[in-house]
N, C-alpha and C. Protein backbone atom coordinates (compact mmCIF):
# COMPACT_ATOMS: atom_id res chain seq x y z
N UNK A 1 -87.16 3.28 109.11
CA UNK A 1 -88.45 3.60 108.56
C UNK A 1 -89.54 2.66 109.10
N UNK A 2 -90.70 3.23 109.05
CA UNK A 2 -91.92 2.39 109.64
C UNK A 2 -92.01 1.04 108.99
N UNK A 3 -92.15 -0.05 109.86
CA UNK A 3 -92.23 -1.39 109.36
C UNK A 3 -93.60 -1.83 108.78
N UNK A 4 -94.65 -1.46 109.61
CA UNK A 4 -95.92 -1.84 109.04
C UNK A 4 -96.51 -0.76 108.00
N UNK A 5 -96.84 -1.35 106.87
CA UNK A 5 -97.42 -0.36 105.92
C UNK A 5 -98.85 -0.17 105.98
N UNK A 6 -99.25 0.94 105.43
CA UNK A 6 -100.67 1.32 105.57
C UNK A 6 -101.38 1.22 104.25
N UNK A 7 -102.62 0.74 104.30
CA UNK A 7 -103.46 0.71 103.08
C UNK A 7 -104.54 1.67 103.25
N UNK A 8 -104.60 2.41 102.12
CA UNK A 8 -105.58 3.57 102.14
C UNK A 8 -106.44 3.41 100.78
N UNK A 9 -107.54 2.86 100.79
CA UNK A 9 -108.37 2.73 99.60
C UNK A 9 -108.86 4.13 99.09
N UNK A 10 -108.88 4.39 97.97
CA UNK A 10 -109.24 5.67 97.44
C UNK A 10 -110.71 5.79 97.19
N UNK A 11 -111.55 6.54 97.81
CA UNK A 11 -113.00 6.47 97.59
C UNK A 11 -113.34 7.00 96.24
N UNK A 12 -112.55 7.79 95.59
CA UNK A 12 -112.73 8.24 94.29
C UNK A 12 -113.17 7.10 93.39
N UNK A 13 -112.74 5.77 93.59
CA UNK A 13 -113.05 4.79 92.77
C UNK A 13 -114.30 3.99 93.17
N UNK A 14 -114.92 4.41 94.25
CA UNK A 14 -116.05 3.71 94.78
C UNK A 14 -117.29 4.02 93.78
N UNK A 15 -118.38 3.23 94.07
CA UNK A 15 -119.59 3.37 93.35
C UNK A 15 -120.55 4.29 94.12
N UNK A 16 -120.65 5.61 93.68
CA UNK A 16 -121.31 6.55 94.48
C UNK A 16 -122.86 6.47 94.56
N UNK A 17 -123.24 5.32 93.74
CA UNK A 17 -124.86 5.18 93.89
C UNK A 17 -125.02 4.10 95.11
N UNK A 18 -123.85 3.60 95.66
CA UNK A 18 -124.07 2.83 96.86
C UNK A 18 -122.75 3.14 97.81
N UNK A 19 -122.67 4.47 98.00
CA UNK A 19 -121.46 4.87 98.76
C UNK A 19 -121.44 4.38 100.09
N UNK A 20 -122.64 4.36 100.66
CA UNK A 20 -122.80 3.82 102.04
C UNK A 20 -122.33 2.49 102.21
N UNK A 21 -122.72 1.55 101.27
CA UNK A 21 -122.31 0.19 101.47
C UNK A 21 -120.60 0.08 101.22
N UNK A 22 -120.25 0.82 100.36
CA UNK A 22 -118.80 0.70 100.03
C UNK A 22 -118.10 1.22 101.23
N UNK A 23 -118.56 2.30 101.86
CA UNK A 23 -117.86 2.75 103.08
C UNK A 23 -117.91 1.63 104.34
N UNK A 24 -119.11 0.97 104.23
CA UNK A 24 -119.21 -0.08 105.38
C UNK A 24 -118.14 -1.15 105.13
N UNK A 25 -118.05 -1.43 103.78
CA UNK A 25 -117.04 -2.48 103.32
C UNK A 25 -115.62 -2.14 103.87
N UNK A 26 -115.19 -0.82 103.73
CA UNK A 26 -113.97 -0.41 104.13
C UNK A 26 -113.94 -0.49 105.67
N UNK A 27 -114.99 -0.17 106.37
CA UNK A 27 -114.99 -0.18 107.92
C UNK A 27 -114.73 -1.68 108.24
N UNK A 28 -115.15 -2.58 107.51
CA UNK A 28 -115.03 -4.04 107.84
C UNK A 28 -113.82 -4.67 107.33
N UNK A 29 -113.01 -3.81 106.63
CA UNK A 29 -111.80 -4.37 105.99
C UNK A 29 -110.57 -4.23 106.81
N UNK A 30 -109.36 -4.57 106.35
CA UNK A 30 -108.14 -4.41 107.08
C UNK A 30 -107.59 -3.05 106.69
N UNK A 31 -108.26 -2.18 105.85
CA UNK A 31 -107.67 -1.00 105.43
C UNK A 31 -107.41 -0.02 106.86
N UNK A 32 -106.35 0.71 106.69
CA UNK A 32 -105.95 1.66 107.84
C UNK A 32 -106.61 2.88 107.63
N UNK A 33 -106.54 3.55 106.52
CA UNK A 33 -107.10 4.90 106.20
C UNK A 33 -108.03 4.76 105.08
N UNK A 34 -108.93 5.80 104.83
CA UNK A 34 -109.66 5.99 103.54
C UNK A 34 -109.06 7.32 102.95
N UNK A 35 -108.60 7.14 101.73
CA UNK A 35 -108.08 8.10 100.96
C UNK A 35 -109.11 8.91 100.22
N UNK A 36 -109.16 10.35 100.35
CA UNK A 36 -110.24 11.10 99.73
C UNK A 36 -109.61 12.22 98.97
N UNK A 37 -109.81 12.08 97.64
CA UNK A 37 -109.28 13.09 96.64
C UNK A 37 -110.15 14.25 96.47
N UNK A 38 -109.84 15.33 96.67
CA UNK A 38 -110.53 16.62 96.48
C UNK A 38 -109.95 17.41 95.22
N UNK A 39 -110.81 17.57 94.13
CA UNK A 39 -110.26 18.18 92.95
C UNK A 39 -111.12 19.33 92.61
N UNK A 40 -110.45 20.52 92.00
CA UNK A 40 -111.26 21.69 91.85
C UNK A 40 -111.39 21.98 90.36
N UNK A 41 -110.93 21.25 89.54
CA UNK A 41 -111.11 21.57 88.04
C UNK A 41 -110.09 22.62 87.62
N UNK A 42 -109.18 23.04 88.46
CA UNK A 42 -108.11 24.01 88.11
C UNK A 42 -106.75 23.50 88.11
N UNK A 43 -106.32 22.91 89.32
CA UNK A 43 -105.14 22.27 89.60
C UNK A 43 -105.16 20.98 88.76
N UNK A 44 -106.12 20.37 88.73
CA UNK A 44 -106.33 19.08 87.88
C UNK A 44 -107.45 19.24 87.05
N UNK A 45 -107.58 18.48 85.80
CA UNK A 45 -108.62 18.64 84.88
C UNK A 45 -109.89 17.82 85.25
N UNK A 46 -110.19 17.94 86.48
CA UNK A 46 -111.42 17.20 86.90
C UNK A 46 -111.96 17.79 88.27
N UNK A 47 -113.20 17.52 88.46
CA UNK A 47 -113.92 18.01 89.67
C UNK A 47 -114.45 16.86 90.39
N UNK A 48 -114.18 16.74 91.69
CA UNK A 48 -114.55 15.56 92.65
C UNK A 48 -115.65 16.05 93.48
N UNK A 49 -115.35 16.46 94.69
CA UNK A 49 -116.26 16.91 95.56
C UNK A 49 -115.51 17.75 96.72
N UNK A 50 -116.49 18.31 97.44
CA UNK A 50 -115.85 19.31 98.56
C UNK A 50 -116.05 18.85 99.76
N UNK A 51 -116.01 19.97 100.81
CA UNK A 51 -116.09 19.60 102.18
C UNK A 51 -117.24 18.96 102.72
N UNK A 52 -118.58 19.19 101.98
CA UNK A 52 -119.81 18.62 102.48
C UNK A 52 -119.80 17.11 102.31
N UNK A 53 -119.20 16.71 101.14
CA UNK A 53 -119.23 15.07 100.96
C UNK A 53 -118.13 14.50 101.83
N UNK A 54 -117.05 15.25 102.16
CA UNK A 54 -116.11 14.69 103.11
C UNK A 54 -116.65 14.65 104.48
N UNK A 55 -117.50 15.57 104.90
CA UNK A 55 -118.22 15.54 106.08
C UNK A 55 -119.26 14.28 106.08
N UNK A 56 -119.88 14.16 105.12
CA UNK A 56 -120.78 13.00 105.04
C UNK A 56 -120.03 11.62 105.15
N UNK A 57 -118.99 11.57 104.32
CA UNK A 57 -118.11 10.36 104.43
C UNK A 57 -117.63 10.06 105.83
N UNK A 58 -117.21 11.08 106.57
CA UNK A 58 -116.73 11.05 107.90
C UNK A 58 -117.83 10.49 108.89
N UNK A 59 -119.09 10.80 108.59
CA UNK A 59 -120.07 10.33 109.53
C UNK A 59 -120.42 8.82 109.38
N UNK A 60 -119.85 8.18 108.19
CA UNK A 60 -120.15 6.82 107.95
C UNK A 60 -118.78 6.01 108.22
N UNK A 61 -117.61 6.58 107.66
CA UNK A 61 -116.37 5.75 107.76
C UNK A 61 -115.73 5.91 109.02
N UNK A 62 -115.39 4.78 109.66
CA UNK A 62 -114.78 4.65 110.95
C UNK A 62 -113.21 4.85 110.81
N UNK A 63 -112.68 4.77 109.65
CA UNK A 63 -111.28 4.87 109.48
C UNK A 63 -110.70 6.24 109.30
N UNK A 64 -109.56 6.58 109.69
CA UNK A 64 -109.09 8.06 109.59
C UNK A 64 -109.03 8.45 108.03
N UNK A 65 -109.40 9.66 107.91
CA UNK A 65 -109.58 10.15 106.48
C UNK A 65 -108.23 10.84 106.08
N UNK A 66 -107.66 10.43 105.01
CA UNK A 66 -106.42 10.89 104.31
C UNK A 66 -106.87 11.68 103.30
N UNK A 67 -107.10 13.03 103.36
CA UNK A 67 -107.55 13.99 102.41
C UNK A 67 -106.51 14.49 101.56
N UNK A 68 -106.76 14.43 100.34
CA UNK A 68 -105.65 14.80 99.39
C UNK A 68 -106.24 15.96 98.60
N UNK A 69 -105.64 17.24 98.83
CA UNK A 69 -106.28 18.34 98.13
C UNK A 69 -105.51 18.59 96.78
N UNK A 70 -106.12 18.27 95.62
CA UNK A 70 -105.47 18.51 94.38
C UNK A 70 -106.18 19.79 93.94
N UNK A 71 -105.90 20.90 94.65
CA UNK A 71 -106.58 22.34 94.31
C UNK A 71 -105.54 23.37 94.36
N UNK A 72 -105.97 24.48 93.72
CA UNK A 72 -105.08 25.65 93.77
C UNK A 72 -105.32 26.36 95.10
N UNK A 73 -104.42 27.08 95.52
CA UNK A 73 -104.46 27.85 96.81
C UNK A 73 -105.16 26.99 97.91
N UNK A 74 -104.44 25.90 98.40
CA UNK A 74 -105.06 25.16 99.38
C UNK A 74 -105.21 25.70 100.59
N UNK A 75 -104.36 26.81 100.94
CA UNK A 75 -104.50 27.51 102.25
C UNK A 75 -105.80 28.14 102.44
N UNK A 76 -106.60 28.33 101.45
CA UNK A 76 -107.92 28.87 101.63
C UNK A 76 -108.98 27.92 102.26
N UNK A 77 -108.62 26.50 102.21
CA UNK A 77 -109.59 25.60 102.66
C UNK A 77 -109.16 24.63 103.66
N UNK A 78 -108.02 24.75 104.27
CA UNK A 78 -107.45 23.89 105.26
C UNK A 78 -108.38 23.74 106.39
N UNK A 79 -108.76 24.69 107.12
CA UNK A 79 -109.62 24.67 108.21
C UNK A 79 -111.01 23.94 107.89
N UNK A 80 -111.41 24.20 106.71
CA UNK A 80 -112.77 23.63 106.33
C UNK A 80 -112.70 22.12 106.18
N UNK A 81 -111.67 21.64 105.70
CA UNK A 81 -111.59 20.12 105.60
C UNK A 81 -111.18 19.56 106.97
N UNK A 82 -110.43 20.21 107.73
CA UNK A 82 -110.31 19.65 109.03
C UNK A 82 -111.48 19.59 109.78
N UNK A 83 -112.39 20.65 109.75
CA UNK A 83 -113.59 20.58 110.45
C UNK A 83 -114.47 19.58 109.87
N UNK A 84 -114.35 19.24 108.58
CA UNK A 84 -115.11 18.17 107.92
C UNK A 84 -114.80 16.78 108.25
N UNK A 85 -113.63 16.50 108.92
CA UNK A 85 -113.15 15.25 109.42
C UNK A 85 -111.80 14.81 109.05
N UNK A 86 -111.07 15.62 108.33
CA UNK A 86 -109.82 15.08 107.77
C UNK A 86 -108.83 14.95 108.84
N UNK A 87 -108.12 13.63 108.94
CA UNK A 87 -107.12 13.42 109.79
C UNK A 87 -105.75 13.71 109.31
N UNK A 88 -105.56 13.49 107.98
CA UNK A 88 -104.35 13.85 107.35
C UNK A 88 -104.76 14.78 106.23
N UNK A 89 -104.09 15.96 106.04
CA UNK A 89 -104.36 16.87 105.05
C UNK A 89 -103.12 17.00 104.08
N UNK A 90 -103.20 16.57 102.81
CA UNK A 90 -102.11 16.65 102.02
C UNK A 90 -102.38 17.56 100.91
N UNK A 91 -101.45 18.49 100.56
CA UNK A 91 -101.57 19.50 99.48
C UNK A 91 -100.27 19.35 98.56
N UNK A 92 -100.41 19.98 97.23
CA UNK A 92 -99.47 19.93 96.41
C UNK A 92 -98.37 20.96 96.41
N UNK A 93 -97.06 20.58 96.38
CA UNK A 93 -96.09 21.56 96.43
C UNK A 93 -96.28 22.56 95.26
N UNK A 94 -96.80 22.01 94.13
CA UNK A 94 -96.84 22.86 92.89
C UNK A 94 -98.08 23.83 92.95
N UNK A 95 -99.07 23.62 93.98
CA UNK A 95 -100.25 24.41 94.07
C UNK A 95 -100.14 25.65 94.92
N UNK A 96 -99.03 25.95 95.46
CA UNK A 96 -98.83 27.07 96.41
C UNK A 96 -97.62 27.71 96.31
N UNK A 97 -97.35 29.07 96.71
CA UNK A 97 -96.15 29.60 96.70
C UNK A 97 -95.48 29.50 98.13
N UNK A 98 -96.24 29.18 99.15
CA UNK A 98 -95.99 29.30 100.51
C UNK A 98 -96.14 27.90 101.21
N UNK A 99 -95.25 26.87 100.70
CA UNK A 99 -95.41 25.64 101.31
C UNK A 99 -95.22 25.57 102.88
N UNK A 100 -94.14 26.21 103.32
CA UNK A 100 -94.00 26.02 104.84
C UNK A 100 -95.13 26.50 105.62
N UNK A 101 -95.65 27.66 105.11
CA UNK A 101 -96.96 28.28 105.73
C UNK A 101 -98.04 27.40 105.76
N UNK A 102 -98.36 26.66 104.63
CA UNK A 102 -99.43 25.82 104.61
C UNK A 102 -99.27 24.58 105.45
N UNK A 103 -98.07 24.11 105.58
CA UNK A 103 -97.70 22.99 106.48
C UNK A 103 -97.98 23.39 107.86
N UNK A 104 -97.52 24.53 108.31
CA UNK A 104 -97.92 24.96 109.68
C UNK A 104 -99.34 25.22 109.84
N UNK A 105 -100.02 25.77 108.94
CA UNK A 105 -101.48 25.87 108.89
C UNK A 105 -102.23 24.52 109.22
N UNK A 106 -101.82 23.54 108.58
CA UNK A 106 -102.50 22.14 108.78
C UNK A 106 -102.11 21.74 110.14
N UNK A 107 -100.85 21.84 110.56
CA UNK A 107 -100.57 21.24 111.90
C UNK A 107 -101.32 22.07 113.13
N UNK A 108 -101.51 23.32 112.75
CA UNK A 108 -102.27 24.16 113.69
C UNK A 108 -103.73 23.70 113.93
N UNK A 109 -104.30 23.00 112.93
CA UNK A 109 -105.67 22.44 113.11
C UNK A 109 -105.56 21.18 113.97
N UNK A 110 -104.46 20.55 114.11
CA UNK A 110 -104.33 19.36 114.70
C UNK A 110 -104.21 18.14 113.84
N UNK A 111 -104.33 18.31 112.50
CA UNK A 111 -104.23 17.34 111.47
C UNK A 111 -102.77 17.02 111.14
N UNK A 112 -102.50 15.79 110.62
CA UNK A 112 -101.26 15.55 110.03
C UNK A 112 -100.98 16.24 108.79
N UNK A 113 -99.80 16.77 108.44
CA UNK A 113 -99.51 17.60 107.33
C UNK A 113 -98.72 16.83 106.29
N UNK A 114 -99.42 16.74 105.16
CA UNK A 114 -98.75 15.96 103.96
C UNK A 114 -98.46 16.81 102.86
N UNK A 115 -97.45 16.53 101.98
CA UNK A 115 -97.14 17.30 100.74
C UNK A 115 -97.02 16.25 99.68
N UNK A 116 -97.44 16.67 98.49
CA UNK A 116 -97.48 15.72 97.33
C UNK A 116 -96.85 16.42 96.24
N UNK A 117 -96.27 15.56 95.35
CA UNK A 117 -95.68 16.02 94.15
C UNK A 117 -96.13 15.22 92.99
N UNK A 118 -96.18 15.94 91.84
CA UNK A 118 -96.72 15.16 90.56
C UNK A 118 -95.50 14.53 89.98
N UNK A 119 -95.90 13.48 88.97
CA UNK A 119 -94.80 12.70 88.44
C UNK A 119 -93.61 13.44 87.74
N UNK A 120 -93.82 14.77 87.26
CA UNK A 120 -92.82 15.47 86.66
C UNK A 120 -92.02 16.22 87.67
N UNK A 121 -92.34 16.40 88.89
CA UNK A 121 -91.51 17.13 89.78
C UNK A 121 -90.45 16.36 90.48
N UNK A 122 -89.33 16.99 90.50
CA UNK A 122 -88.10 16.35 90.97
C UNK A 122 -88.24 16.23 92.64
N UNK A 123 -87.77 15.23 93.15
CA UNK A 123 -87.78 14.88 94.43
C UNK A 123 -87.03 15.83 95.32
N UNK A 124 -85.93 16.35 94.65
CA UNK A 124 -85.03 17.24 95.37
C UNK A 124 -85.80 18.60 95.76
N UNK A 125 -86.94 18.93 95.21
CA UNK A 125 -87.63 20.00 95.54
C UNK A 125 -88.25 19.93 96.87
N UNK A 126 -88.20 18.74 97.52
CA UNK A 126 -88.86 18.53 98.75
C UNK A 126 -87.86 18.73 99.96
N UNK A 127 -86.52 19.00 99.59
CA UNK A 127 -85.50 19.15 100.56
C UNK A 127 -85.73 20.03 101.69
N UNK A 128 -86.24 21.21 101.31
CA UNK A 128 -86.39 22.29 102.33
C UNK A 128 -87.82 22.04 103.34
N UNK A 129 -88.64 21.09 102.93
CA UNK A 129 -89.74 20.80 103.72
C UNK A 129 -89.84 19.44 104.42
N UNK A 130 -88.84 18.56 104.17
CA UNK A 130 -88.83 17.27 104.64
C UNK A 130 -89.06 17.10 106.21
N UNK A 131 -88.29 18.10 106.79
CA UNK A 131 -88.26 18.03 108.21
C UNK A 131 -89.61 18.62 108.92
N UNK A 132 -90.37 19.14 108.08
CA UNK A 132 -91.64 19.80 108.70
C UNK A 132 -92.83 18.90 108.41
N UNK A 133 -92.83 17.99 107.42
CA UNK A 133 -94.03 17.31 107.10
C UNK A 133 -94.23 15.81 107.84
N UNK A 134 -95.29 15.40 107.95
CA UNK A 134 -95.68 14.12 108.48
C UNK A 134 -95.80 13.01 107.52
N UNK A 135 -96.03 13.50 106.22
CA UNK A 135 -96.34 12.62 105.13
C UNK A 135 -95.83 13.18 103.80
N UNK A 136 -95.05 12.34 102.84
CA UNK A 136 -94.75 12.81 101.52
C UNK A 136 -95.57 11.82 100.60
N UNK A 137 -96.33 12.46 99.68
CA UNK A 137 -97.06 11.67 98.59
C UNK A 137 -96.38 11.87 97.26
N UNK A 138 -95.96 10.81 96.73
CA UNK A 138 -95.53 10.67 95.22
C UNK A 138 -96.63 10.29 94.39
N UNK A 139 -97.02 11.11 93.38
CA UNK A 139 -98.02 10.71 92.50
C UNK A 139 -97.33 9.77 91.47
N UNK A 140 -97.99 8.69 91.34
CA UNK A 140 -97.52 7.68 90.25
C UNK A 140 -98.39 7.56 89.17
N UNK A 141 -99.30 8.56 89.03
CA UNK A 141 -100.04 8.89 87.72
C UNK A 141 -100.18 10.37 87.68
N UNK A 142 -100.56 10.82 86.48
CA UNK A 142 -100.79 12.17 86.51
C UNK A 142 -102.30 12.50 87.09
N UNK A 143 -102.26 13.39 88.02
CA UNK A 143 -103.48 13.48 88.92
C UNK A 143 -104.68 14.06 88.14
N UNK A 144 -105.86 13.61 88.67
CA UNK A 144 -107.18 13.95 88.07
C UNK A 144 -107.97 13.05 87.73
N UNK A 145 -107.60 11.79 87.45
CA UNK A 145 -108.54 10.71 87.05
C UNK A 145 -108.05 9.42 87.56
N UNK A 146 -108.99 8.59 88.11
CA UNK A 146 -108.67 7.24 88.50
C UNK A 146 -108.57 6.25 87.38
N UNK A 147 -107.90 5.06 87.72
CA UNK A 147 -107.84 3.89 86.85
C UNK A 147 -106.72 4.02 85.86
N UNK A 148 -105.81 5.02 86.10
CA UNK A 148 -104.62 5.06 85.10
C UNK A 148 -103.52 4.24 85.51
N UNK A 149 -102.61 4.02 84.56
CA UNK A 149 -101.54 2.87 84.64
C UNK A 149 -100.30 3.68 85.53
N UNK A 150 -99.84 2.88 86.27
CA UNK A 150 -98.65 3.23 87.21
C UNK A 150 -97.45 3.63 86.37
N UNK A 151 -96.98 4.81 86.71
CA UNK A 151 -95.73 5.28 86.05
C UNK A 151 -94.47 4.65 86.91
N UNK A 152 -93.79 3.82 86.09
CA UNK A 152 -92.66 3.07 86.90
C UNK A 152 -91.33 4.00 87.10
N UNK A 153 -91.36 5.06 86.60
CA UNK A 153 -90.23 6.00 87.02
C UNK A 153 -90.46 6.57 88.43
N UNK A 154 -91.72 6.20 89.07
CA UNK A 154 -91.85 6.56 90.40
C UNK A 154 -90.94 5.65 91.49
N UNK A 155 -90.48 4.50 90.95
CA UNK A 155 -89.72 3.72 91.75
C UNK A 155 -88.30 4.30 92.13
N UNK A 156 -87.55 4.79 91.18
CA UNK A 156 -86.27 5.55 91.45
C UNK A 156 -86.50 6.69 92.38
N UNK A 157 -87.65 7.46 92.00
CA UNK A 157 -87.94 8.58 92.90
C UNK A 157 -88.13 8.16 94.35
N UNK A 158 -88.73 7.05 94.53
CA UNK A 158 -89.17 6.59 95.95
C UNK A 158 -87.82 6.17 96.63
N UNK A 159 -86.92 5.53 95.76
CA UNK A 159 -85.58 5.09 96.46
C UNK A 159 -84.86 6.41 96.83
N UNK A 160 -84.83 7.50 96.08
CA UNK A 160 -84.23 8.73 96.13
C UNK A 160 -84.78 9.43 97.52
N UNK A 161 -86.14 9.37 97.59
CA UNK A 161 -86.82 10.02 98.79
C UNK A 161 -86.30 9.34 100.10
N UNK A 162 -86.30 8.02 99.93
CA UNK A 162 -86.09 7.17 101.18
C UNK A 162 -84.67 7.48 101.62
N UNK A 163 -83.75 7.56 100.66
CA UNK A 163 -82.49 7.89 100.88
C UNK A 163 -82.23 9.23 101.71
N UNK A 164 -82.91 10.20 101.03
CA UNK A 164 -82.94 11.57 101.58
C UNK A 164 -83.37 11.57 103.05
N UNK A 165 -84.43 10.83 103.33
CA UNK A 165 -84.92 10.87 104.72
C UNK A 165 -83.95 10.15 105.75
N UNK A 166 -83.42 9.07 105.20
CA UNK A 166 -82.62 8.33 106.16
C UNK A 166 -81.38 9.04 106.46
N UNK A 167 -80.82 9.81 105.53
CA UNK A 167 -79.69 10.63 105.72
C UNK A 167 -79.86 11.63 106.78
N UNK A 168 -81.16 12.09 106.95
CA UNK A 168 -81.43 13.10 107.86
C UNK A 168 -82.29 12.53 109.18
N UNK A 169 -82.20 11.35 109.18
CA UNK A 169 -82.81 10.52 110.28
C UNK A 169 -84.35 10.97 110.47
N UNK A 170 -84.98 11.09 109.26
CA UNK A 170 -86.47 11.46 109.32
C UNK A 170 -87.37 10.24 108.99
N UNK A 171 -88.50 10.14 109.52
CA UNK A 171 -89.37 9.02 109.28
C UNK A 171 -90.85 9.44 109.00
N UNK A 172 -91.05 10.32 107.71
CA UNK A 172 -92.30 10.59 107.51
C UNK A 172 -93.13 9.26 106.74
N UNK A 173 -94.32 9.42 106.65
CA UNK A 173 -95.06 8.38 105.92
C UNK A 173 -94.71 8.63 104.43
N UNK A 174 -94.42 7.64 103.73
CA UNK A 174 -94.02 7.86 102.33
C UNK A 174 -95.16 7.08 101.52
N UNK A 175 -96.07 7.96 100.98
CA UNK A 175 -97.21 7.50 100.18
C UNK A 175 -97.06 7.51 98.72
N UNK A 176 -97.68 6.52 98.13
CA UNK A 176 -97.66 6.37 96.60
C UNK A 176 -99.18 6.35 96.28
N UNK A 177 -99.49 7.20 95.28
CA UNK A 177 -100.89 7.25 94.96
C UNK A 177 -101.10 7.26 93.30
N UNK A 178 -101.70 6.22 92.87
CA UNK A 178 -101.92 6.10 91.45
C UNK A 178 -101.54 4.82 90.83
N UNK A 179 -102.42 4.01 90.38
CA UNK A 179 -102.15 2.68 89.62
C UNK A 179 -101.56 1.69 90.54
N UNK A 180 -101.70 1.72 91.80
CA UNK A 180 -101.20 0.67 92.72
C UNK A 180 -102.23 -0.36 92.87
N UNK A 181 -101.70 -1.57 92.75
CA UNK A 181 -102.38 -2.76 92.96
C UNK A 181 -101.57 -3.98 93.37
N UNK A 182 -102.18 -5.24 93.32
CA UNK A 182 -101.47 -6.41 93.65
C UNK A 182 -100.26 -6.64 92.76
N UNK A 183 -100.48 -6.20 91.50
CA UNK A 183 -99.47 -6.43 90.49
C UNK A 183 -98.13 -5.71 90.80
N UNK A 184 -98.05 -4.64 91.45
CA UNK A 184 -96.94 -3.89 91.74
C UNK A 184 -96.56 -3.37 93.16
N UNK A 185 -97.59 -3.64 94.14
CA UNK A 185 -97.47 -3.27 95.44
C UNK A 185 -96.12 -3.62 96.19
N UNK A 186 -95.85 -4.76 95.89
CA UNK A 186 -94.59 -5.38 96.48
C UNK A 186 -93.27 -4.61 96.14
N UNK A 187 -93.16 -4.12 94.86
CA UNK A 187 -92.11 -3.41 94.35
C UNK A 187 -92.05 -2.07 94.92
N UNK A 188 -93.31 -1.44 94.97
CA UNK A 188 -93.52 -0.12 95.59
C UNK A 188 -93.01 -0.10 97.08
N UNK A 189 -93.49 -1.09 97.87
CA UNK A 189 -92.94 -1.12 99.27
C UNK A 189 -91.49 -1.29 99.35
N UNK A 190 -90.95 -2.02 98.49
CA UNK A 190 -89.38 -2.36 98.52
C UNK A 190 -88.69 -1.19 98.21
N UNK A 191 -89.17 -0.41 97.37
CA UNK A 191 -88.59 0.92 96.93
C UNK A 191 -88.62 2.03 98.03
N UNK A 192 -89.46 1.92 99.08
CA UNK A 192 -89.45 2.85 100.12
C UNK A 192 -90.77 3.33 100.57
N UNK A 193 -91.87 3.00 100.01
CA UNK A 193 -93.16 3.56 100.51
C UNK A 193 -93.66 2.70 101.66
N UNK A 194 -94.48 3.31 102.51
CA UNK A 194 -95.08 2.65 103.52
C UNK A 194 -96.58 2.98 103.70
N UNK A 195 -97.07 3.81 102.69
CA UNK A 195 -98.57 4.00 102.55
C UNK A 195 -98.94 3.70 101.04
N UNK A 196 -99.79 2.81 100.81
CA UNK A 196 -100.35 2.46 99.48
C UNK A 196 -101.74 3.01 99.28
N UNK A 197 -101.94 3.80 98.38
CA UNK A 197 -103.25 4.24 97.79
C UNK A 197 -103.75 3.48 96.73
N UNK A 198 -104.98 2.73 97.07
CA UNK A 198 -105.39 1.85 96.00
C UNK A 198 -106.70 2.15 95.82
N UNK A 199 -107.13 2.54 94.56
CA UNK A 199 -108.54 2.97 94.27
C UNK A 199 -109.25 1.75 93.48
N UNK A 200 -109.09 1.77 92.11
CA UNK A 200 -109.70 0.70 91.29
C UNK A 200 -109.37 -0.72 91.78
N UNK A 201 -108.08 -0.82 92.18
CA UNK A 201 -107.62 -2.24 92.63
C UNK A 201 -108.50 -2.71 93.77
N UNK A 202 -109.03 -1.88 94.59
CA UNK A 202 -110.02 -2.33 95.64
C UNK A 202 -111.41 -2.38 95.19
N UNK A 203 -111.88 -1.17 94.89
CA UNK A 203 -113.25 -0.82 94.59
C UNK A 203 -113.93 -1.59 93.52
N UNK A 204 -113.09 -1.85 92.42
CA UNK A 204 -113.50 -2.55 91.22
C UNK A 204 -113.44 -4.01 91.37
N UNK A 205 -112.74 -4.52 92.33
CA UNK A 205 -112.43 -5.92 92.46
C UNK A 205 -113.68 -6.59 92.87
N UNK A 206 -113.83 -8.00 92.32
CA UNK A 206 -114.84 -8.84 92.69
C UNK A 206 -114.86 -9.08 94.27
N UNK A 207 -113.78 -9.30 94.86
CA UNK A 207 -113.65 -9.36 96.20
C UNK A 207 -112.66 -8.36 96.75
N UNK A 208 -113.26 -7.17 97.17
CA UNK A 208 -112.43 -6.13 97.58
C UNK A 208 -111.77 -6.36 99.02
N UNK A 209 -112.66 -7.01 99.87
CA UNK A 209 -112.03 -7.25 101.19
C UNK A 209 -110.83 -8.16 101.14
N UNK A 210 -110.84 -9.16 100.15
CA UNK A 210 -109.74 -9.99 100.03
C UNK A 210 -108.56 -9.16 99.46
N UNK A 211 -108.71 -8.25 98.46
CA UNK A 211 -107.70 -7.44 97.95
C UNK A 211 -106.96 -6.64 98.97
N UNK A 212 -107.82 -5.96 99.79
CA UNK A 212 -107.20 -5.18 100.92
C UNK A 212 -106.32 -6.21 101.77
N UNK A 213 -106.87 -7.28 102.21
CA UNK A 213 -106.18 -8.27 103.01
C UNK A 213 -104.82 -8.55 102.38
N UNK A 214 -104.82 -8.89 101.05
CA UNK A 214 -103.60 -9.26 100.47
C UNK A 214 -102.65 -8.21 100.33
N UNK A 215 -103.17 -7.01 99.96
CA UNK A 215 -102.26 -5.75 100.12
C UNK A 215 -101.64 -5.58 101.49
N UNK A 216 -102.39 -5.74 102.50
CA UNK A 216 -101.93 -5.56 103.87
C UNK A 216 -100.83 -6.64 104.26
N UNK A 217 -100.95 -7.82 103.74
CA UNK A 217 -100.19 -8.85 104.19
C UNK A 217 -98.72 -8.94 103.37
N UNK A 218 -98.69 -8.20 102.31
CA UNK A 218 -97.39 -8.24 101.56
C UNK A 218 -96.32 -7.94 102.40
N UNK A 219 -95.19 -8.82 102.24
CA UNK A 219 -93.96 -8.64 103.20
C UNK A 219 -94.05 -9.52 104.35
N UNK A 220 -95.24 -10.08 104.68
CA UNK A 220 -95.28 -11.02 105.89
C UNK A 220 -95.09 -12.50 105.39
N UNK A 221 -95.09 -13.29 106.22
CA UNK A 221 -94.69 -14.74 106.02
C UNK A 221 -95.98 -15.30 105.18
N UNK A 222 -97.13 -14.75 105.50
CA UNK A 222 -98.41 -15.36 104.78
C UNK A 222 -98.76 -14.73 103.38
N UNK A 223 -97.81 -13.83 103.04
CA UNK A 223 -98.09 -13.23 101.66
C UNK A 223 -97.50 -14.22 100.56
N UNK A 224 -98.53 -14.54 99.64
CA UNK A 224 -98.19 -15.41 98.51
C UNK A 224 -98.48 -14.63 97.19
């Protein structure tokens, strides 16, 4: 498995009245990616933003954009979000009938292809797509709103997913999204994750740059 983990702050938790400042903060941080949640009010009970906002974010943010489509029929919008600047495009297994087709559609655009599952979805349902994806995202909250508490049942699911990958000699990014912060990040990484999505833990912190740095250093000799 990949040794160096990735920190992907979630822009959903940013202060949109000063979005430019928050994005510059991310540019100056040790973050690896910027996580961008796209919600349609159908797949999840909330609406966030669409391709035009992603395009605007891409103009300011220098980090790769990790775009998470929490939308029904994601196949209708893959090319739009790639054109808007998405480097990674993740869709939900539960949101489409044709997961293999959507994965190939994403790869055809040149983006990395990710698949996400909700907290109630069994990891075994990923068996048939594991060899095709670049990233697997386990939701550790019920998707739709930021600031929720981490669901600790995610940890055994992570261990199961990691074991599934190792048995098949696969090394996808394993991402955990929801309720991740300094209080639990080490346990999440130990369970098998190598991409941490952190929203409120970063953007609501008094010293967000310091939080990102601490999240990045977990597992190194300098981590305290």
